Amino acid sequence: MMDYSLKPDKYNRYHLLGNVAEMVDMKGVAKGGSYIHSTSDSYYTKRINYTKPAYWLGFRCVCEIL
């Protein structure tokens, strides 16, 4: 269940910062930061590079309902 208690960001996304950094590109780019990243690394404007699976890395399933 989605918690809508906070306002979405300018891209209409909720809770981008938090538990894991989210993969946004198959070429090794993650955003959002995880609990081990600094606050400045956790903003969606920052790129976090990865080369293999990691405990701090995850993904978000997104769909658009028309």
PDB file of N, CA and C in Angstrom:
ATOM      1  N   MET A   1       0.842  -1.180   0.000  1.00  0.00           N
ATOM      2  CA  MET A   1       0.000   0.000   0.000  1.00  0.00           C
ATOM      3  C   MET A   1       0.888   1.245   0.000  1.00  0.00           C
ATOM      4  N   MET A   2       0.598   2.140  -0.889  1.00  0.00           N
ATOM      5  CA  MET A   2       1.397   3.370  -1.023  1.00  0.00           C
ATOM      6  C   MET A   2       1.004   4.364   0.067  1.00  0.00           C
ATOM      7  N   ASP A   3       2.006   4.943   0.681  1.00  0.00           N
ATOM      8  CA  ASP A   3       1.785   5.972   1.691  1.00  0.00           C
ATOM      9  C   ASP A   3       1.814   7.331   0.995  1.00  0.00           C
ATOM     10  N   TYR A   4       0.678   7.981   0.884  1.00  0.00           N
ATOM     11  CA  TYR A   4       0.579   9.272   0.220  1.00  0.00           C
ATOM     12  C   TYR A   4       0.618  10.437   1.211  1.00  0.00           C
ATOM     13  N   SER A   5       1.202  10.208   2.383  1.00  0.00           N
ATOM     14  CA  SER A   5       1.223  11.256   3.403  1.00  0.00           C
ATOM     15  C   SER A   5       2.153  12.410   3.020  1.00  0.00           C
ATOM     16  N   LEU A   6       3.092  12.171   2.141  1.00  0.00           N
ATOM     17  CA  LEU A   6       3.995  13.218   1.678  1.00  0.00           C
ATOM     18  C   LEU A   6       3.610  13.636   0.268  1.00  0.00           C
ATOM     19  N   LYS A   7       4.012  14.827  -0.118  1.00  0.00           N
ATOM     20  CA  LYS A   7       3.733  15.292  -1.464  1.00  0.00           C
ATOM     21  C   LYS A   7       4.713  14.656  -2.442  1.00  0.00           C
ATOM     22  N   PRO A   8       4.291  14.411  -3.685  1.00  0.00           N
ATOM     23  CA  PRO A   8       5.221  13.861  -4.673  1.00  0.00           C
ATOM     24  C   PRO A   8       6.230  14.912  -5.123  1.00  0.00           C
ATOM     25  N   ASP A   9       7.328  14.449  -5.736  1.00  0.00           N
ATOM     26  CA  ASP A   9       8.300  15.392  -6.270  1.00  0.00           C
ATOM     27  C   ASP A   9       7.788  15.959  -7.596  1.00  0.00           C
ATOM     28  N   LYS A  10       8.618  16.736  -8.286  1.00  0.00           N
ATOM     29  CA  LYS A  10       8.144  17.396  -9.506  1.00  0.00           C
ATOM     30  C   LYS A  10       7.866  16.410 -10.633  1.00  0.00           C
ATOM     31  N   TYR A  11       8.317  15.163 -10.510  1.00  0.00           N
ATOM     32  CA  TYR A  11       8.031  14.129 -11.501  1.00  0.00           C
ATOM     33  C   TYR A  11       6.896  13.220 -11.058  1.00  0.00           C
ATOM     34  N   ASN A  12       6.186  13.608 -10.001  1.00  0.00           N
ATOM     35  CA  ASN A  12       5.051  12.877  -9.439  1.00  0.00           C
ATOM     36  C   ASN A  12       5.466  11.526  -8.847  1.00  0.00           C
ATOM     37  N   ARG A  13       6.675  11.451  -8.281  1.00  0.00           N
ATOM     38  CA  ARG A  13       7.156  10.237  -7.631  1.00  0.00           C
ATOM     39  C   ARG A  13       7.094  10.421  -6.120  1.00  0.00           C
ATOM     40  N   TYR A  14       6.750   9.363  -5.430  1.00  0.00           N
ATOM     41  CA  TYR A  14       6.703   9.367  -3.966  1.00  0.00           C
ATOM     42  C   TYR A  14       7.878   8.591  -3.403  1.00  0.00           C
ATOM     43  N   HIS A  15       8.448   9.067  -2.308  1.00  0.00           N
ATOM     44  CA  HIS A  15       9.437   8.336  -1.508  1.00  0.00           C
ATOM     45  C   HIS A  15      10.619   7.829  -2.326  1.00  0.00           C
ATOM     46  N   LEU A  16      11.246   8.683  -3.103  1.00  0.00           N
ATOM     47  CA  LEU A  16      12.403   8.273  -3.884  1.00  0.00           C
ATOM     48  C   LEU A  16      13.614   8.006  -2.994  1.00  0.00           C
ATOM     49  N   LEU A  17      13.758   8.756  -1.934  1.00  0.00           N
ATOM     50  CA  LEU A  17      14.886   8.568  -1.022  1.00  0.00           C
ATOM     51  C   LEU A  17      14.530   7.531   0.027  1.00  0.00           C
ATOM     52  N   GLY A  18      15.485   6.690   0.380  1.00  0.00           N
ATOM     53  CA  GLY A  18      15.150   5.766   1.450  1.00  0.00           C
ATOM     54  C   GLY A  18      15.995   4.531   1.539  1.00  0.00           C
ATOM     55  N   ASN A  19      15.345   3.383   1.524  1.00  0.00           N
ATOM     56  CA  ASN A  19      15.994   2.112   1.848  1.00  0.00           C
ATOM     57  C   ASN A  19      17.103   1.716   0.886  1.00  0.00           C
ATOM     58  N   VAL A  20      16.855   1.805  -0.413  1.00  0.00           N
ATOM     59  CA  VAL A  20      17.852   1.406  -1.401  1.00  0.00           C
ATOM     60  C   VAL A  20      17.952   2.459  -2.498  1.00  0.00           C
ATOM     61  N   ALA A  21      19.115   2.556  -3.124  1.00  0.00           N
ATOM     62  CA  ALA A  21      19.255   3.378  -4.323  1.00  0.00           C
ATOM     63  C   ALA A  21      18.550   2.626  -5.447  1.00  0.00           C
ATOM     64  N   GLU A  22      17.912   3.332  -6.342  1.00  0.00           N
ATOM     65  CA  GLU A  22      17.124   2.679  -7.385  1.00  0.00           C
ATOM     66  C   GLU A  22      17.834   2.721  -8.725  1.00  0.00           C
ATOM     67  N   MET A  23      17.890   1.552  -9.370  1.00  0.00           N
ATOM     68  CA  MET A  23      18.492   1.452 -10.690  1.00  0.00           C
ATOM     69  C   MET A  23      17.629   2.229 -11.679  1.00  0.00           C
ATOM     70  N   VAL A  24      18.239   3.106 -12.444  1.00  0.00           N
ATOM     71  CA  VAL A  24      17.493   3.877 -13.435  1.00  0.00           C
ATOM     72  C   VAL A  24      18.039   3.642 -14.839  1.00  0.00           C
ATOM     73  N   ASP A  25      19.090   2.863 -14.954  1.00  0.00           N
ATOM     74  CA  ASP A  25      19.711   2.599 -16.251  1.00  0.00           C
ATOM     75  C   ASP A  25      20.432   1.263 -16.172  1.00  0.00           C
ATOM     76  N   MET A  26      20.319   0.468 -17.199  1.00  0.00           N
ATOM     77  CA  MET A  26      20.999  -0.835 -17.233  1.00  0.00           C
ATOM     78  C   MET A  26      22.514  -0.670 -17.336  1.00  0.00           C
ATOM     79  N   LYS A  27      22.988   0.517 -17.607  1.00  0.00           N
ATOM     80  CA  LYS A  27      24.419   0.753 -17.771  1.00  0.00           C
ATOM     81  C   LYS A  27      25.090   1.175 -16.479  1.00  0.00           C
ATOM     82  N   GLY A  28      24.509   0.869 -15.339  1.00  0.00           N
ATOM     83  CA  GLY A  28      25.171   1.113 -14.070  1.00  0.00           C
ATOM     84  C   GLY A  28      24.896   2.433 -13.398  1.00  0.00           C
ATOM     85  N   VAL A  29      23.692   2.991 -13.569  1.00  0.00           N
ATOM     86  CA  VAL A  29      23.345   4.251 -12.926  1.00  0.00           C
ATOM     87  C   VAL A  29      22.181   4.018 -11.962  1.00  0.00           C
ATOM     88  N   ALA A  30      22.363   4.476 -10.737  1.00  0.00           N
ATOM     89  CA  ALA A  30      21.310   4.423  -9.717  1.00  0.00           C
ATOM     90  C   ALA A  30      21.107   5.825  -9.172  1.00  0.00           C
ATOM     91  N   LYS A  31      19.910   6.054  -8.631  1.00  0.00           N
ATOM     92  CA  LYS A  31      19.602   7.353  -8.018  1.00  0.00           C
ATOM     93  C   LYS A  31      18.809   7.135  -6.748  1.00  0.00           C
ATOM     94  N   GLY A  32      18.760   8.161  -5.929  1.00  0.00           N
ATOM     95  CA  GLY A  32      17.934   8.128  -4.735  1.00  0.00           C
ATOM     96  C   GLY A  32      18.671   7.840  -3.453  1.00  0.00           C
ATOM     97  N   GLY A  33      19.786   7.161  -3.540  1.00  0.00           N
ATOM     98  CA  GLY A  33      20.549   6.863  -2.340  1.00  0.00           C
ATOM     99  C   GLY A  33      19.890   5.819  -1.460  1.00  0.00           C
ATOM    100  N   SER A  34      20.668   5.255  -0.587  1.00  0.00           N
ATOM    101  CA  SER A  34      20.165   4.262   0.355  1.00  0.00           C
ATOM    102  C   SER A  34      20.538   4.699   1.768  1.00  0.00           C
ATOM    103  N   TYR A  35      20.278   3.838   2.713  1.00  0.00           N
ATOM    104  CA  TYR A  35      20.563   4.175   4.102  1.00  0.00           C
ATOM    105  C   TYR A  35      22.057   4.311   4.373  1.00  0.00           C
ATOM    106  N   ILE A  36      22.921   3.809   3.481  1.00  0.00           N
ATOM    107  CA  ILE A  36      24.369   3.949   3.698  1.00  0.00           C
ATOM    108  C   ILE A  36      24.947   5.178   3.003  1.00  0.00           C
ATOM    109  N   HIS A  37      24.183   5.832   2.132  1.00  0.00           N
ATOM    110  CA  HIS A  37      24.672   6.993   1.396  1.00  0.00           C
ATOM    111  C   HIS A  37      24.442   8.279   2.188  1.00  0.00           C
ATOM    112  N   SER A  38      25.267   9.252   1.903  1.00  0.00           N
ATOM    113  CA  SER A  38      25.105  10.548   2.565  1.00  0.00           C
ATOM    114  C   SER A  38      23.860  11.251   2.030  1.00  0.00           C
ATOM    115  N   THR A  39      23.406  12.248   2.738  1.00  0.00           N
ATOM    116  CA  THR A  39      22.234  13.006   2.301  1.00  0.00           C
ATOM    117  C   THR A  39      22.478  13.645   0.943  1.00  0.00           C
ATOM    118  N   SER A  40      23.668  14.186   0.735  1.00  0.00           N
ATOM    119  CA  SER A  40      23.950  14.837  -0.546  1.00  0.00           C
ATOM    120  C   SER A  40      23.992  13.836  -1.702  1.00  0.00           C
ATOM    121  N   ASP A  41      24.342  12.583  -1.456  1.00  0.00           N
ATOM    122  CA  ASP A  41      24.322  11.555  -2.496  1.00  0.00           C
ATOM    123  C   ASP A  41      22.915  11.036  -2.773  1.00  0.00           C
ATOM    124  N   SER A  42      21.977  11.343  -1.924  1.00  0.00           N
ATOM    125  CA  SER A  42      20.643  10.763  -2.023  1.00  0.00           C
ATOM    126  C   SER A  42      19.657  11.560  -2.862  1.00  0.00           C
ATOM    127  N   TYR A  43      20.035  12.726  -3.344  1.00  0.00           N
ATOM    128  CA  TYR A  43      19.115  13.499  -4.177  1.00  0.00           C
ATOM    129  C   TYR A  43      19.018  12.908  -5.572  1.00  0.00           C
ATOM    130  N   TYR A  44      17.850  13.002  -6.199  1.00  0.00           N
ATOM    131  CA  TYR A  44      17.644  12.384  -7.509  1.00  0.00           C
ATOM    132  C   TYR A  44      18.502  13.011  -8.601  1.00  0.00           C
ATOM    133  N   THR A  45      19.088  14.165  -8.337  1.00  0.00           N
ATOM    134  CA  THR A  45      19.970  14.785  -9.328  1.00  0.00           C
ATOM    135  C   THR A  45      21.357  14.142  -9.336  1.00  0.00           C
ATOM    136  N   LYS A  46      21.701  13.399  -8.304  1.00  0.00           N
ATOM    137  CA  LYS A  46      23.001  12.738  -8.200  1.00  0.00           C
ATOM    138  C   LYS A  46      22.959  11.367  -8.865  1.00  0.00           C
ATOM    139  N   ARG A  47      24.067  10.996  -9.496  1.00  0.00           N
ATOM    140  CA  ARG A  47      24.214   9.673 -10.102  1.00  0.00           C
ATOM    141  C   ARG A  47      25.099   8.827  -9.194  1.00  0.00           C
ATOM    142  N   ILE A  48      24.650   7.619  -8.898  1.00  0.00           N
ATOM    143  CA  ILE A  48      25.450   6.659  -8.146  1.00  0.00           C
ATOM    144  C   ILE A  48      25.759   5.514  -9.104  1.00  0.00           C
ATOM    145  N   ASN A  49      27.017   5.290  -9.373  1.00  0.00           N
ATOM    146  CA  ASN A  49      27.399   4.246 -10.320  1.00  0.00           C
ATOM    147  C   ASN A  49      27.522   2.903  -9.611  1.00  0.00           C
ATOM    148  N   TYR A  50      27.163   1.833 -10.330  1.00  0.00           N
ATOM    149  CA  TYR A  50      27.328   0.483  -9.818  1.00  0.00           C
ATOM    150  C   TYR A  50      27.801  -0.425 -10.948  1.00  0.00           C
ATOM    151  N   THR A  51      28.459  -1.515 -10.604  1.00  0.00           N
ATOM    152  CA  THR A  51      28.956  -2.459 -11.599  1.00  0.00           C
ATOM    153  C   THR A  51      28.410  -3.863 -11.412  1.00  0.00           C
ATOM    154  N   LYS A  52      27.801  -4.115 -10.252  1.00  0.00           N
ATOM    155  CA  LYS A  52      27.272  -5.454  -9.960  1.00  0.00           C
ATOM    156  C   LYS A  52      26.192  -5.331  -8.887  1.00  0.00           C
ATOM    157  N   PRO A  53      25.426  -6.392  -8.628  1.00  0.00           N
ATOM    158  CA  PRO A  53      24.417  -6.331  -7.572  1.00  0.00           C
ATOM    159  C   PRO A  53      25.037  -5.946  -6.228  1.00  0.00           C
ATOM    160  N   ALA A  54      24.287  -5.205  -5.434  1.00  0.00           N
ATOM    161  CA  ALA A  54      24.767  -4.773  -4.124  1.00  0.00           C
ATOM    162  C   ALA A  54      23.597  -4.708  -3.149  1.00  0.00           C
ATOM    163  N   TYR A  55      23.878  -4.842  -1.874  1.00  0.00           N
ATOM    164  CA  TYR A  55      22.833  -4.834  -0.851  1.00  0.00           C
ATOM    165  C   TYR A  55      22.123  -3.487  -0.754  1.00  0.00           C
ATOM    166  N   TRP A  56      22.711  -2.421  -1.247  1.00  0.00           N
ATOM    167  CA  TRP A  56      22.124  -1.082  -1.162  1.00  0.00           C
ATOM    168  C   TRP A  56      21.376  -0.691  -2.436  1.00  0.00           C
ATOM    169  N   LEU A  57      21.287  -1.616  -3.404  1.00  0.00           N
ATOM    170  CA  LEU A  57      20.746  -1.315  -4.719  1.00  0.00           C
ATOM    171  C   LEU A  57      19.461  -2.087  -4.981  1.00  0.00           C
ATOM    172  N   GLY A  58      18.470  -1.420  -5.554  1.00  0.00           N
ATOM    173  CA  GLY A  58      17.207  -2.076  -5.870  1.00  0.00           C
ATOM    174  C   GLY A  58      16.557  -1.420  -7.068  1.00  0.00           C
ATOM    175  N   PHE A  59      15.301  -1.738  -7.286  1.00  0.00           N
ATOM    176  CA  PHE A  59      14.563  -1.146  -8.398  1.00  0.00           C
ATOM    177  C   PHE A  59      13.113  -0.940  -7.999  1.00  0.00           C
ATOM    178  N   ARG A  60      12.429  -0.126  -8.749  1.00  0.00           N
ATOM    179  CA  ARG A  60      11.030   0.188  -8.490  1.00  0.00           C
ATOM    180  C   ARG A  60      10.226  -0.177  -9.730  1.00  0.00           C
ATOM    181  N   CYS A  61       9.196  -0.955  -9.536  1.00  0.00           N
ATOM    182  CA  CYS A  61       8.283  -1.266 -10.654  1.00  0.00           C
ATOM    183  C   CYS A  61       7.311  -0.111 -10.801  1.00  0.00           C
ATOM    184  N   VAL A  62       7.204   0.381 -12.010  1.00  0.00           N
ATOM    185  CA  VAL A  62       6.340   1.529 -12.280  1.00  0.00           C
ATOM    186  C   VAL A  62       5.441   1.190 -13.454  1.00  0.00           C
ATOM    187  N   CYS A  63       4.173   1.583 -13.351  1.00  0.00           N
ATOM    188  CA  CYS A  63       3.271   1.420 -14.482  1.00  0.00           C
ATOM    189  C   CYS A  63       2.408   2.673 -14.573  1.00  0.00           C
ATOM    190  N   GLU A  64       1.942   2.928 -15.756  1.00  0.00           N
ATOM    191  CA  GLU A  64       1.056   4.071 -15.969  1.00  0.00           C
ATOM    192  C   GLU A  64      -0.338   3.541 -16.241  1.00  0.00           C
ATOM    193  N   ILE A  65      -1.289   4.016 -15.499  1.00  0.00           N
ATOM    194  CA  ILE A  65      -2.688   3.599 -15.678  1.00  0.00           C
ATOM    195  C   ILE A  65      -3.378   4.641 -16.509  1.00  0.00           C
ATOM    196  N   LEU A  66      -3.839   4.200 -17.648  1.00  0.00           N
ATOM    197  CA  LEU A  66      -4.505   5.134 -18.574  1.00  0.00           C
ATOM    198  C   LEU A  66      -5.999   5.133 -18.381  1.00  0.00           C
TER     199      LEU A  66
END
